[in-house]
Amino acid sequence: MAIMIIAVSASIIVPKIIQNVPKNDVKNAAMELKYLLWDVQQRAIAEGKMWALRFDNSEIPHQYSFHYSDSDTDINADGTFPNRGFEHLPDNVEFGPITFSRIIVWDSLPMPSIRFNEFGEPNEGGTVRLVHESASGIAYDVTVEPISGRITVTAA
C-alpha cells in the first residue's frame, strides 16, 4: 500500500519537476546576468572609471565579456580590448534580441554593449532577452533602466 502511494505521488511530482528544468535554466542565467551587470555598475562607481559589458556571440556562442575603459575609445592603443573577464551562458541558453544600441566593433564584428560611468549611470537603457535553445516560449528579459541604471529580470 505504501509503495503504491509513493508511486502515485512520484508519477505526479516528477513530470512537473522535469517540465520546470528549462524554465529554471533560463531564469538562473538571467539572474546571473543581472548580478554581473550590477557588479560592472558597482565597479564603475568604486573605481571611478567607465566600465562596459560587451555581448560577444561571434567566436564562442553564449559568451559575454566585461572590460573597462577610461576613455570613449573602447580599444587600447595596440587595438586590443582591456578585458577583465569573460562569462558564458549555460549551453542550453542563448541570446535573443539585444536592444542596446551602442555597438563596439572588434575584429570587424559588431557587438552590442552597455557602459556605466563613474556614477553608475548607464549610457542608455536596454534589454537582453535570454531564451532556451530547445524549449520554445521560455524567455526572460534582463532590463537596464535609462538614467537610474536599475536592473530587473522579468519573464518574457
N, C-alpha and C. Protein backbone atom coordinates (compact mmCIF):
# COMPACT_ATOMS: atom_id res chain seq x y z
N MET A 1 0.82 -1.20 0.00
CA MET A 1 0.00 0.00 0.00
C MET A 1 0.87 1.27 0.00
N ALA A 2 1.91 1.28 0.86
CA ALA A 2 2.79 2.44 0.94
C ALA A 2 3.54 2.63 -0.36
N ILE A 3 3.96 1.53 -0.99
CA ILE A 3 4.68 1.62 -2.26
C ILE A 3 3.76 2.20 -3.34
N MET A 4 2.50 1.84 -3.31
CA MET A 4 1.55 2.35 -4.28
C MET A 4 1.37 3.87 -4.11
N ILE A 5 1.30 4.33 -2.89
CA ILE A 5 1.15 5.76 -2.62
C ILE A 5 2.38 6.51 -3.10
N ILE A 6 3.56 5.97 -2.83
CA ILE A 6 4.80 6.60 -3.27
C ILE A 6 4.86 6.63 -4.80
N ALA A 7 4.46 5.57 -5.46
CA ALA A 7 4.49 5.50 -6.92
C ALA A 7 3.53 6.53 -7.53
N VAL A 8 2.34 6.64 -6.97
CA VAL A 8 1.37 7.61 -7.48
C VAL A 8 1.88 9.03 -7.26
N SER A 9 2.43 9.30 -6.08
CA SER A 9 2.98 10.62 -5.78
C SER A 9 4.12 10.97 -6.74
N ALA A 10 5.00 10.03 -6.97
CA ALA A 10 6.13 10.26 -7.86
C ALA A 10 5.66 10.51 -9.29
N SER A 11 4.63 9.79 -9.73
CA SER A 11 4.14 9.97 -11.09
C SER A 11 3.50 11.35 -11.29
N ILE A 12 3.08 11.98 -10.22
CA ILE A 12 2.51 13.32 -10.31
C ILE A 12 3.60 14.39 -10.19
N ILE A 13 4.55 14.18 -9.27
CA ILE A 13 5.55 15.20 -8.96
C ILE A 13 6.69 15.24 -9.99
N VAL A 14 7.22 14.10 -10.37
CA VAL A 14 8.40 14.06 -11.24
C VAL A 14 8.17 14.76 -12.59
N PRO A 15 7.05 14.54 -13.29
CA PRO A 15 6.87 15.27 -14.55
C PRO A 15 6.86 16.79 -14.37
N LYS A 16 6.31 17.28 -13.28
CA LYS A 16 6.29 18.73 -13.05
C LYS A 16 7.69 19.26 -12.81
N ILE A 17 8.52 18.51 -12.11
CA ILE A 17 9.90 18.93 -11.87
C ILE A 17 10.67 18.96 -13.18
N ILE A 18 10.52 17.92 -13.99
CA ILE A 18 11.22 17.85 -15.27
C ILE A 18 10.74 18.96 -16.21
N GLN A 19 9.47 19.28 -16.17
CA GLN A 19 8.90 20.32 -17.01
C GLN A 19 9.49 21.69 -16.67
N ASN A 20 9.84 21.93 -15.41
CA ASN A 20 10.35 23.23 -14.98
C ASN A 20 11.86 23.40 -15.15
N VAL A 21 12.58 22.36 -15.50
CA VAL A 21 14.04 22.46 -15.64
C VAL A 21 14.45 23.50 -16.69
N PRO A 22 13.90 23.49 -17.92
CA PRO A 22 14.32 24.52 -18.89
C PRO A 22 14.01 25.94 -18.40
N LYS A 23 12.86 26.12 -17.79
CA LYS A 23 12.48 27.44 -17.27
C LYS A 23 13.48 27.89 -16.21
N ASN A 24 13.85 27.00 -15.32
CA ASN A 24 14.80 27.34 -14.27
C ASN A 24 16.18 27.64 -14.84
N ASP A 25 16.60 26.93 -15.88
CA ASP A 25 17.90 27.20 -16.51
C ASP A 25 17.96 28.63 -17.04
N VAL A 26 16.91 29.04 -17.74
CA VAL A 26 16.88 30.39 -18.32
C VAL A 26 16.77 31.44 -17.22
N LYS A 27 15.94 31.19 -16.23
CA LYS A 27 15.79 32.15 -15.13
C LYS A 27 17.10 32.31 -14.36
N ASN A 28 17.78 31.21 -14.09
CA ASN A 28 19.07 31.29 -13.38
C ASN A 28 20.10 32.06 -14.21
N ALA A 29 20.14 31.82 -15.52
CA ALA A 29 21.07 32.55 -16.38
C ALA A 29 20.74 34.05 -16.38
N ALA A 30 19.46 34.38 -16.39
CA ALA A 30 19.04 35.79 -16.36
C ALA A 30 19.46 36.44 -15.04
N MET A 31 19.31 35.73 -13.94
CA MET A 31 19.71 36.28 -12.64
C MET A 31 21.23 36.46 -12.59
N GLU A 32 21.99 35.53 -13.14
CA GLU A 32 23.45 35.67 -13.18
C GLU A 32 23.85 36.89 -14.01
N LEU A 33 23.18 37.10 -15.14
CA LEU A 33 23.47 38.27 -15.97
C LEU A 33 23.11 39.55 -15.21
N LYS A 34 22.01 39.53 -14.50
CA LYS A 34 21.62 40.70 -13.71
C LYS A 34 22.71 41.05 -12.70
N TYR A 35 23.19 40.05 -11.99
CA TYR A 35 24.21 40.30 -10.97
C TYR A 35 25.55 40.70 -11.59
N LEU A 36 25.86 40.20 -12.78
CA LEU A 36 27.07 40.63 -13.47
C LEU A 36 26.95 42.10 -13.89
N LEU A 37 25.79 42.48 -14.43
CA LEU A 37 25.57 43.88 -14.77
C LEU A 37 25.70 44.77 -13.53
N TRP A 38 25.12 44.32 -12.45
CA TRP A 38 25.21 45.07 -11.19
C TRP A 38 26.66 45.18 -10.74
N ASP A 39 27.42 44.10 -10.87
CA ASP A 39 28.82 44.11 -10.47
C ASP A 39 29.63 45.10 -11.33
N VAL A 40 29.40 45.09 -12.63
CA VAL A 40 30.09 46.02 -13.52
C VAL A 40 29.72 47.46 -13.14
N GLN A 41 28.45 47.70 -12.84
CA GLN A 41 27.99 49.03 -12.43
C GLN A 41 28.68 49.47 -11.13
N GLN A 42 28.78 48.58 -10.17
CA GLN A 42 29.40 48.90 -8.89
C GLN A 42 30.92 49.12 -9.04
N ARG A 43 31.56 48.37 -9.93
CA ARG A 43 32.99 48.57 -10.18
C ARG A 43 33.24 49.95 -10.78
N ALA A 44 32.33 50.38 -11.66
CA ALA A 44 32.47 51.71 -12.26
C ALA A 44 32.42 52.78 -11.17
N ILE A 45 31.52 52.62 -10.22
CA ILE A 45 31.40 53.58 -9.12
C ILE A 45 32.62 53.51 -8.23
N ALA A 46 33.01 52.31 -7.83
CA ALA A 46 34.12 52.14 -6.88
C ALA A 46 35.45 52.63 -7.44
N GLU A 47 35.69 52.37 -8.73
CA GLU A 47 36.98 52.73 -9.32
C GLU A 47 36.97 54.10 -10.00
N GLY A 48 35.78 54.68 -10.12
CA GLY A 48 35.68 55.99 -10.77
C GLY A 48 36.04 55.95 -12.24
N LYS A 49 35.79 54.80 -12.89
CA LYS A 49 36.10 54.63 -14.32
C LYS A 49 34.86 54.13 -15.04
N MET A 50 34.89 54.30 -16.34
CA MET A 50 33.83 53.73 -17.16
C MET A 50 34.05 52.22 -17.28
N TRP A 51 33.00 51.46 -17.06
CA TRP A 51 33.05 50.01 -17.25
C TRP A 51 31.99 49.63 -18.26
N ALA A 52 32.26 48.60 -19.03
CA ALA A 52 31.32 48.18 -20.07
C ALA A 52 31.14 46.67 -20.04
N LEU A 53 30.01 46.24 -20.54
CA LEU A 53 29.73 44.82 -20.73
C LEU A 53 29.43 44.63 -22.20
N ARG A 54 30.20 43.77 -22.85
CA ARG A 54 30.08 43.52 -24.28
C ARG A 54 29.47 42.14 -24.47
N PHE A 55 28.52 42.03 -25.38
CA PHE A 55 27.88 40.75 -25.67
C PHE A 55 28.46 40.20 -26.96
N ASP A 56 29.26 39.17 -26.84
CA ASP A 56 30.00 38.61 -27.96
C ASP A 56 29.45 37.23 -28.27
N ASN A 57 28.71 37.14 -29.36
CA ASN A 57 28.13 35.86 -29.75
C ASN A 57 28.74 35.40 -31.07
N SER A 58 29.99 35.79 -31.29
CA SER A 58 30.60 35.51 -32.58
C SER A 58 31.47 34.26 -32.55
N GLU A 59 32.61 34.32 -31.85
CA GLU A 59 33.53 33.19 -31.87
C GLU A 59 33.07 32.05 -30.98
N ILE A 60 32.70 32.38 -29.76
CA ILE A 60 32.25 31.37 -28.81
C ILE A 60 30.80 31.67 -28.49
N PRO A 61 29.88 30.83 -28.89
CA PRO A 61 28.47 31.11 -28.62
C PRO A 61 28.22 31.28 -27.12
N HIS A 62 27.26 32.09 -26.80
CA HIS A 62 26.81 32.30 -25.43
C HIS A 62 27.82 33.07 -24.58
N GLN A 63 28.71 33.82 -25.17
CA GLN A 63 29.75 34.49 -24.38
C GLN A 63 29.45 35.98 -24.24
N TYR A 64 29.71 36.50 -23.09
CA TYR A 64 29.74 37.94 -22.92
C TYR A 64 30.95 38.26 -22.08
N SER A 65 31.49 39.45 -22.27
CA SER A 65 32.71 39.81 -21.55
C SER A 65 32.52 41.18 -20.94
N PHE A 66 33.32 41.47 -19.94
CA PHE A 66 33.27 42.80 -19.36
C PHE A 66 34.67 43.37 -19.37
N HIS A 67 34.74 44.64 -19.60
CA HIS A 67 36.01 45.33 -19.68
C HIS A 67 35.82 46.75 -19.18
N TYR A 68 36.90 47.44 -18.96
CA TYR A 68 36.79 48.83 -18.55
C TYR A 68 37.49 49.72 -19.55
N SER A 69 37.09 50.97 -19.54
CA SER A 69 37.71 51.95 -20.40
C SER A 69 37.64 53.28 -19.67
N ASP A 70 38.75 54.00 -19.63
CA ASP A 70 38.71 55.32 -19.01
C ASP A 70 38.66 56.41 -20.09
N SER A 71 38.34 55.99 -21.30
CA SER A 71 38.13 56.96 -22.38
C SER A 71 36.92 56.49 -23.17
N ASP A 72 36.64 57.17 -24.23
CA ASP A 72 35.47 56.81 -25.03
C ASP A 72 35.85 55.97 -26.25
N THR A 73 37.07 55.42 -26.25
CA THR A 73 37.53 54.72 -27.44
C THR A 73 37.20 53.23 -27.43
N ASP A 74 37.05 52.63 -26.27
CA ASP A 74 36.75 51.20 -26.14
C ASP A 74 37.91 50.28 -26.49
N ILE A 75 38.98 50.81 -27.08
CA ILE A 75 40.06 49.94 -27.54
C ILE A 75 41.39 50.52 -27.05
N ASN A 76 42.28 49.65 -26.61
CA ASN A 76 43.62 50.07 -26.20
C ASN A 76 44.41 50.57 -27.40
N ALA A 77 45.54 51.21 -27.15
CA ALA A 77 46.38 51.74 -28.23
C ALA A 77 46.86 50.64 -29.17
N ASP A 78 47.04 49.41 -28.65
CA ASP A 78 47.50 48.32 -29.51
C ASP A 78 46.36 47.61 -30.23
N GLY A 79 45.13 48.15 -30.13
CA GLY A 79 43.99 47.58 -30.85
C GLY A 79 43.28 46.47 -30.11
N THR A 80 43.66 46.20 -28.87
CA THR A 80 43.01 45.14 -28.11
C THR A 80 42.03 45.73 -27.10
N PHE A 81 41.11 44.89 -26.65
CA PHE A 81 40.18 45.31 -25.61
C PHE A 81 40.82 45.12 -24.25
N PRO A 82 40.56 46.03 -23.32
CA PRO A 82 41.06 45.85 -21.96
C PRO A 82 40.12 44.94 -21.18
N ASN A 83 40.07 43.67 -21.54
CA ASN A 83 39.14 42.74 -20.89
C ASN A 83 39.54 42.45 -19.47
N ARG A 84 38.58 42.35 -18.62
CA ARG A 84 38.81 41.96 -17.24
C ARG A 84 38.26 40.55 -17.00
N GLY A 85 37.42 40.06 -17.87
CA GLY A 85 36.89 38.72 -17.65
C GLY A 85 35.86 38.35 -18.69
N PHE A 86 35.59 37.06 -18.75
CA PHE A 86 34.58 36.52 -19.64
C PHE A 86 33.61 35.67 -18.84
N GLU A 87 32.39 35.68 -19.23
CA GLU A 87 31.37 34.82 -18.65
C GLU A 87 30.66 34.12 -19.80
N HIS A 88 30.06 32.99 -19.51
CA HIS A 88 29.36 32.23 -20.54
C HIS A 88 27.97 31.88 -20.05
N LEU A 89 27.03 31.88 -20.99
CA LEU A 89 25.69 31.38 -20.69
C LEU A 89 25.75 29.86 -20.65
N PRO A 90 24.84 29.22 -19.95
CA PRO A 90 24.78 27.75 -20.00
C PRO A 90 24.57 27.27 -21.44
N ASP A 91 24.96 26.05 -21.72
CA ASP A 91 24.89 25.52 -23.09
C ASP A 91 23.48 25.54 -23.68
N ASN A 92 22.47 25.40 -22.85
CA ASN A 92 21.10 25.32 -23.37
C ASN A 92 20.37 26.66 -23.36
N VAL A 93 21.09 27.75 -23.06
CA VAL A 93 20.51 29.09 -23.04
C VAL A 93 21.25 29.94 -24.06
N GLU A 94 20.51 30.75 -24.82
CA GLU A 94 21.16 31.60 -25.81
C GLU A 94 20.56 33.00 -25.78
N PHE A 95 21.26 33.94 -26.42
CA PHE A 95 20.78 35.30 -26.50
C PHE A 95 19.62 35.38 -27.47
N GLY A 96 18.61 36.13 -27.09
CA GLY A 96 17.56 36.55 -28.01
C GLY A 96 17.92 37.95 -28.47
N PRO A 97 16.92 38.78 -28.74
CA PRO A 97 17.22 40.16 -29.15
C PRO A 97 17.93 40.94 -28.04
N ILE A 98 18.88 41.76 -28.43
CA ILE A 98 19.59 42.66 -27.52
C ILE A 98 19.33 44.07 -28.03
N THR A 99 18.75 44.94 -27.19
CA THR A 99 18.34 46.26 -27.67
C THR A 99 19.31 47.38 -27.33
N PHE A 100 20.48 47.05 -26.79
CA PHE A 100 21.47 48.10 -26.55
C PHE A 100 21.99 48.57 -27.90
N SER A 101 21.90 49.87 -28.15
CA SER A 101 22.26 50.36 -29.49
C SER A 101 23.75 50.69 -29.60
N ARG A 102 24.45 50.83 -28.49
CA ARG A 102 25.89 51.12 -28.55
C ARG A 102 26.60 49.89 -29.08
N ILE A 103 27.23 50.01 -30.22
CA ILE A 103 27.89 48.88 -30.87
C ILE A 103 29.40 49.09 -30.79
N ILE A 104 30.09 48.08 -30.31
CA ILE A 104 31.55 48.05 -30.33
C ILE A 104 31.95 47.15 -31.48
N VAL A 105 32.82 47.64 -32.33
CA VAL A 105 33.31 46.82 -33.44
C VAL A 105 34.68 46.29 -33.06
N TRP A 106 34.79 44.99 -33.08
CA TRP A 106 36.04 44.34 -32.73
C TRP A 106 36.27 43.19 -33.70
N ASP A 107 37.43 43.12 -34.32
CA ASP A 107 37.71 42.14 -35.37
C ASP A 107 36.64 42.20 -36.46
N SER A 108 36.20 43.39 -36.79
CA SER A 108 35.19 43.64 -37.83
C SER A 108 33.82 43.08 -37.48
N LEU A 109 33.60 42.71 -36.24
CA LEU A 109 32.31 42.17 -35.83
C LEU A 109 31.61 43.14 -34.89
N PRO A 110 30.38 43.55 -35.24
CA PRO A 110 29.66 44.46 -34.35
C PRO A 110 29.12 43.70 -33.14
N MET A 111 29.31 44.29 -31.97
CA MET A 111 28.85 43.65 -30.74
C MET A 111 28.12 44.69 -29.88
N PRO A 112 26.87 44.42 -29.50
CA PRO A 112 26.18 45.36 -28.63
C PRO A 112 26.83 45.42 -27.25
N SER A 113 26.73 46.57 -26.62
CA SER A 113 27.34 46.72 -25.30
C SER A 113 26.58 47.75 -24.49
N ILE A 114 26.82 47.73 -23.20
CA ILE A 114 26.30 48.76 -22.30
C ILE A 114 27.47 49.24 -21.47
N ARG A 115 27.46 50.54 -21.18
CA ARG A 115 28.53 51.14 -20.41
C ARG A 115 27.94 51.84 -19.19
N PHE A 116 28.70 51.81 -18.10
CA PHE A 116 28.33 52.55 -16.89
C PHE A 116 29.43 53.56 -16.61
N ASN A 117 29.03 54.80 -16.31
CA ASN A 117 30.03 55.82 -16.00
C ASN A 117 30.41 55.74 -14.52
N GLU A 118 31.25 56.66 -14.07
CA GLU A 118 31.76 56.61 -12.70
C GLU A 118 30.69 56.86 -11.65
N PHE A 119 29.49 57.26 -12.07
CA PHE A 119 28.37 57.45 -11.14
C PHE A 119 27.40 56.26 -11.18
N GLY A 120 27.72 55.26 -11.99
CA GLY A 120 26.87 54.08 -12.12
C GLY A 120 25.71 54.26 -13.08
N GLU A 121 25.73 55.36 -13.83
CA GLU A 121 24.67 55.62 -14.78
C GLU A 121 24.98 54.92 -16.10
N PRO A 122 24.00 54.25 -16.69
CA PRO A 122 24.25 53.60 -17.99
C PRO A 122 24.24 54.64 -19.11
N ASN A 123 24.94 54.32 -20.19
CA ASN A 123 24.92 55.21 -21.35
C ASN A 123 23.56 55.20 -22.03
N GLU A 124 22.78 54.16 -21.79
CA GLU A 124 21.43 54.03 -22.34
C GLU A 124 20.71 52.91 -21.61
N GLY A 125 19.43 52.86 -21.79
CA GLY A 125 18.67 51.72 -21.29
C GLY A 125 18.58 50.67 -22.38
N GLY A 126 18.23 49.47 -21.98
CA GLY A 126 18.08 48.41 -22.98
C GLY A 126 17.75 47.09 -22.33
N THR A 127 17.53 46.11 -23.17
CA THR A 127 17.11 44.79 -22.71
C THR A 127 17.89 43.70 -23.43
N VAL A 128 18.22 42.66 -22.68
CA VAL A 128 18.80 41.44 -23.24
C VAL A 128 17.79 40.33 -22.98
N ARG A 129 17.38 39.65 -24.02
CA ARG A 129 16.46 38.52 -23.85
C ARG A 129 17.27 37.23 -23.89
N LEU A 130 17.04 36.37 -22.91
CA LEU A 130 17.65 35.05 -22.88
C LEU A 130 16.55 34.03 -23.14
N VAL A 131 16.84 33.08 -24.02
CA VAL A 131 15.85 32.08 -24.41
C VAL A 131 16.45 30.68 -24.28
N HIS A 132 15.59 29.69 -24.15
CA HIS A 132 16.05 28.30 -24.10
C HIS A 132 16.21 27.82 -25.53
N GLU A 133 17.28 27.06 -25.78
CA GLU A 133 17.56 26.57 -27.14
C GLU A 133 16.47 25.70 -27.71
N SER A 134 15.95 24.79 -26.92
CA SER A 134 15.02 23.80 -27.48
C SER A 134 13.59 23.94 -26.99
N ALA A 135 13.37 24.53 -25.85
CA ALA A 135 12.01 24.67 -25.32
C ALA A 135 11.47 26.03 -25.72
N SER A 136 10.56 26.04 -26.67
CA SER A 136 10.03 27.32 -27.17
C SER A 136 9.14 27.98 -26.12
N GLY A 137 9.13 29.28 -26.16
CA GLY A 137 8.26 30.04 -25.26
C GLY A 137 8.86 30.32 -23.89
N ILE A 138 10.08 29.86 -23.64
CA ILE A 138 10.72 30.12 -22.35
C ILE A 138 11.77 31.21 -22.57
N ALA A 139 11.50 32.39 -22.00
CA ALA A 139 12.40 33.52 -22.17
C ALA A 139 12.31 34.45 -20.97
N TYR A 140 13.43 35.08 -20.67
CA TYR A 140 13.49 36.10 -19.62
C TYR A 140 14.20 37.31 -20.16
N ASP A 141 13.72 38.50 -19.77
CA ASP A 141 14.35 39.75 -20.17
C ASP A 141 15.12 40.33 -18.99
N VAL A 142 16.35 40.74 -19.26
CA VAL A 142 17.17 41.47 -18.28
C VAL A 142 17.21 42.91 -18.80
N THR A 143 16.64 43.83 -18.03
CA THR A 143 16.47 45.21 -18.47
C THR A 143 17.29 46.16 -17.60
N VAL A 144 17.98 47.08 -18.25
CA VAL A 144 18.68 48.16 -17.57
C VAL A 144 17.91 49.44 -17.88
N GLU A 145 17.41 50.09 -16.83
CA GLU A 145 16.64 51.32 -17.00
C GLU A 145 17.57 52.48 -17.31
N PRO A 146 17.16 53.36 -18.25
CA PRO A 146 17.99 54.52 -18.53
C PRO A 146 18.03 55.46 -17.32
N ILE A 147 19.03 56.22 -17.20
CA ILE A 147 19.28 57.24 -16.16
C ILE A 147 19.54 56.60 -14.80
N SER A 148 18.57 55.84 -14.26
CA SER A 148 18.75 55.28 -12.90
C SER A 148 19.69 54.08 -12.89
N GLY A 149 19.74 53.33 -13.98
CA GLY A 149 20.59 52.13 -14.02
C GLY A 149 19.98 50.95 -13.29
N ARG A 150 18.72 51.03 -12.91
CA ARG A 150 18.06 49.91 -12.22
C ARG A 150 18.01 48.70 -13.15
N ILE A 151 18.34 47.53 -12.61
CA ILE A 151 18.42 46.30 -13.39
C ILE A 151 17.34 45.35 -12.91
N THR A 152 16.50 44.88 -13.81
CA THR A 152 15.41 43.97 -13.44
C THR A 152 15.39 42.75 -14.35
N VAL A 153 14.80 41.68 -13.83
CA VAL A 153 14.59 40.45 -14.60
C VAL A 153 13.10 40.16 -14.61
N THR A 154 12.53 39.95 -15.81
CA THR A 154 11.12 39.63 -15.92
C THR A 154 10.94 38.50 -16.94
N ALA A 155 9.90 37.70 -16.72
CA ALA A 155 9.56 36.66 -17.69
C ALA A 155 9.01 37.33 -18.94
N ALA A 156 9.47 36.86 -20.08
CA ALA A 156 9.02 37.48 -21.35
C ALA A 156 7.80 36.79 -21.89
